[in-house]
């Protein structure tokens, strides 16, 4: 591990409200929590596990959650937690780390754990067992399993559906490419495919598979869930992992790590819509360049809010059916409002979305005794 990656020297009018670093060298535990803003209510945000996470990434993700919750009209602020480690480590060691991390944050009532990259419903069950404060739980203990059901991918489909008229596209026959065929990417492909879209390419950390005539989404999901790499799928032509960026399509979905599209590769994209399934998958400069290139870019905190909307509904005991109805309504409405404002005001979709979300955060902050975060 590099020397102390969990450092951050930044603040603005919205936060961060609190930064907590957790170290337990004997257990190999290096983690952090960033609670960005709690003006609207306790923060909800996922626990991310990766070998290269930093406090800067944690903060950027926490800020994305502040904006996401505000844009969705939820009574929650934004937070995020990270653990340094390989999520494929032996299950017992992973369980020990997550339980110890949860215990260390037991008194932090301003933060509600959820699943994220490298963690899942089982991990949230461990957190709940320790401190009783987690969402995205297994169905057996009263949760709405976000990854199993594909809540984020479901919301992404509704965001794309609302955006299609603004790009002069229809869903029937629309060609989609998914960068990061994990829980978000595969469910987004599944829901879009059910609406008539055609998956022409997908990638994971090991490679890309492509077929201009369309990939069998059901078969690809089964192949991936059985432990296979996307690049070894028999129904497509194997290509390099990063080749996914340059594959021609109508809808390109980044659903993996942050900053996968930068100024170094942004001009390779050949799409009409970029729908951000991951959080902060594009650098700020790259997103502005997409706008200049005439590509409609749906910001992360609007397009992929399905998971946190579902989590917030679960936290209140709402049924699975009602939670998914809320996802469809809130994301469809917000995408349409964002793009209408963007066209009317001559702003990028992200700036229009930021205007919507920050206005709601400021309004929430104005109701508090201390008008801070």
Foldseek 3Di string as FASTA:
>chain_A
DPPAQADDDDDDQQDQPDKDWDDDVVLPWTKIKTRHHQLLHAAEEEEAEEQDDGNVNQVLQQQLSQLLCLLLVHSGGGMYMYIHDDLPPPPVSVLVRLLVVLLVCLPVPSYAYEHDHSDFQVSQVSSCVRRVGYALHDVVVQHDNCLVVQQLLLLLLLLVCLCQVVLVHHLAAFEEEEQACGSNRLSVCVVSVVVHYFYAKYAHPAWMWGDPVGDDSVQLVVCVVVPHGNQPDPRGHTDGNLCSQQDAGAEYEYQDDAAPAEPVCLVSHHYQEYRYSHANNHDPVSLVVCVVVNHAYHHNSLNRSRSVLSRSCSVVSHDPVVSSVSSSVSSNVSSNQLVVCCVVVVHHSVVSSCVSSVVSSQVSLVVDPHSGD
